[in-house]
Amino acid sequence: MGEPEHVRSTYNDIHNIIRGASDKIASEFKPDMFIAIEGGGFFPARVLRTFLKDPSTKRNIPIQAIGLSLYESLPGTTAEQLGGEVIRTQWLGPDPGKRLLGRRVLIIDEVDDSRKTLQ
């Protein structure tokens, strides 16, 4: 099996992909809160907020952050591998249900390669 093909994308490429997704999100979901998953989710959440505004106030949609870790360090190296379980490193507080009840929350991460992060 050969090396995987890499696609090189510019900032503008990514920005335009997020802009395109924002139209669909605005018409089909209309979130009133973003939750960015620590690390990779911060950048797309921030760019998405440029294009999506709260429809009632025309203000920015608030971004909350959570930390989830799925990758584990390999002993004796700086490399990481997919871990067996998701570990919470930062959460929404002691009673997140109160903060989220009745909200239309969009959870944002940069990649969903394992399908384990949000299980």
Protein backbone atom coordinates (compact mmCIF):
# COMPACT_ATOMS: atom_id res chain seq x y z
CA MET A 1 0.00 0.00 0.00
CA GLY A 2 1.43 3.39 -1.00
CA GLU A 3 1.54 6.67 0.81
CA PRO A 4 -1.82 8.42 1.22
CA GLU A 5 -2.40 11.31 -1.15
CA HIS A 6 -2.13 14.69 0.52
CA VAL A 7 -4.25 17.62 -0.54
CA ARG A 8 -2.68 21.00 0.08
CA SER A 9 -5.23 23.70 0.86
CA THR A 10 -4.66 27.40 1.31
CA TYR A 11 -6.25 29.59 3.96
CA ASN A 12 -8.59 30.95 1.28
CA ASP A 13 -9.60 27.42 0.24
CA ILE A 14 -10.59 26.56 3.81
CA HIS A 15 -12.28 29.92 4.34
CA ASN A 16 -14.38 29.40 1.20
CA ILE A 17 -15.34 25.85 2.19
CA ILE A 18 -16.56 27.14 5.56
CA ARG A 19 -18.42 30.00 3.85
CA GLY A 20 -20.19 27.47 1.61
CA ALA A 21 -21.16 25.34 4.61
CA SER A 22 -22.49 28.40 6.44
CA ASP A 23 -25.28 28.89 3.89
CA LYS A 24 -26.57 25.36 4.43
CA ILE A 25 -26.22 25.62 8.22
CA ALA A 26 -28.08 28.95 8.26
CA SER A 27 -30.97 27.61 6.21
CA GLU A 28 -31.29 24.15 7.76
CA PHE A 29 -30.23 24.47 11.40
CA LYS A 30 -29.90 28.09 12.62
CA PRO A 31 -27.64 27.54 15.66
CA ASP A 32 -27.64 29.99 18.55
CA MET A 33 -24.48 28.61 20.18
CA PHE A 34 -21.27 27.04 18.91
CA ILE A 35 -19.25 24.54 20.90
CA ALA A 36 -15.70 24.33 19.56
CA ILE A 37 -13.74 21.22 20.39
CA GLU A 38 -10.39 22.36 21.80
CA GLY A 39 -7.58 22.52 19.31
CA GLY A 40 -8.88 21.94 15.82
CA GLY A 41 -12.40 23.26 16.35
CA PHE A 42 -11.36 26.81 17.28
CA PHE A 43 -10.40 27.95 13.78
CA PRO A 44 -13.48 26.72 11.88
CA ALA A 45 -15.76 28.00 14.67
CA ARG A 46 -14.24 31.46 14.48
CA VAL A 47 -14.46 31.61 10.68
CA LEU A 48 -18.02 30.26 10.72
CA ARG A 49 -19.01 32.98 13.17
CA THR A 50 -17.99 35.52 10.52
CA PHE A 51 -20.80 34.28 8.26
CA LEU A 52 -23.48 33.24 10.76
CA LYS A 53 -25.15 35.77 13.01
CA ASP A 54 -27.96 35.32 15.52
CA PRO A 55 -31.04 35.91 13.32
CA SER A 56 -32.98 37.77 16.01
CA THR A 57 -30.21 40.17 17.10
CA LYS A 58 -27.79 40.08 14.13
CA ARG A 59 -25.00 39.65 16.68
CA ASN A 60 -22.24 37.08 16.78
CA ILE A 61 -23.19 33.61 17.92
CA PRO A 62 -21.33 32.81 21.17
CA ILE A 63 -18.59 30.19 21.11
CA GLN A 64 -18.07 27.88 24.09
CA ALA A 65 -15.12 25.48 24.23
CA ILE A 66 -14.72 21.93 25.42
CA GLY A 67 -11.55 19.86 25.56
CA LEU A 68 -11.60 16.26 24.44
CA SER A 69 -8.53 14.08 23.99
CA LEU A 70 -8.60 10.91 21.94
CA TYR A 71 -4.94 10.61 21.01
CA GLU A 72 -2.28 9.17 23.32
CA SER A 73 1.47 9.77 23.27
CA LEU A 74 3.64 6.86 22.22
CA PRO A 75 6.20 6.12 24.96
CA GLY A 76 9.67 7.49 24.23
CA THR A 77 8.56 9.52 21.18
CA THR A 78 6.72 12.70 20.30
CA ALA A 79 4.31 10.72 18.11
CA GLU A 80 0.68 10.07 18.99
CA GLN A 81 -1.72 7.26 18.26
CA LEU A 82 -5.48 6.89 18.42
CA GLY A 83 -6.44 6.14 22.01
CA GLY A 84 -9.04 3.77 23.35
CA GLU A 85 -11.29 6.32 25.03
CA VAL A 86 -12.16 9.99 24.93
CA ILE A 87 -10.93 11.98 27.94
CA ARG A 88 -12.54 15.29 28.92
CA THR A 89 -9.88 17.90 29.54
CA GLN A 90 -12.22 20.92 29.69
CA TRP A 91 -15.99 20.98 30.05
CA LEU A 92 -18.85 23.47 30.19
CA GLY A 93 -19.02 23.65 33.97
CA PRO A 94 -20.67 21.61 36.71
CA ASP A 95 -24.18 21.69 35.20
CA PRO A 96 -23.94 21.97 31.41
CA GLY A 97 -27.58 20.96 30.99
CA LYS A 98 -28.76 24.32 32.32
CA ARG A 99 -26.53 26.17 29.88
CA LEU A 100 -27.62 24.06 26.90
CA LEU A 101 -31.31 23.50 27.61
CA GLY A 102 -33.41 24.94 24.79
CA ARG A 103 -30.37 26.01 22.76
CA ARG A 104 -29.62 25.11 19.14
CA VAL A 105 -25.98 24.05 19.54
CA LEU A 106 -23.58 23.37 16.68
CA ILE A 107 -20.55 21.32 17.74
CA ILE A 108 -17.49 22.14 15.64
CA ASP A 109 -14.25 20.23 15.11
CA GLU A 110 -11.78 20.23 12.25
CA VAL A 111 -11.94 16.52 11.42
CA ASP A 112 -14.04 13.48 12.25
CA ASP A 113 -11.62 10.73 11.33
CA SER A 114 -12.46 8.11 13.95
CA ARG A 115 -16.13 8.80 14.78
CA LYS A 116 -15.19 8.41 18.48
CA THR A 117 -14.87 12.00 19.72
CA LEU A 118 -18.58 12.61 20.26
CA GLN A 119 -19.64 9.15 21.39
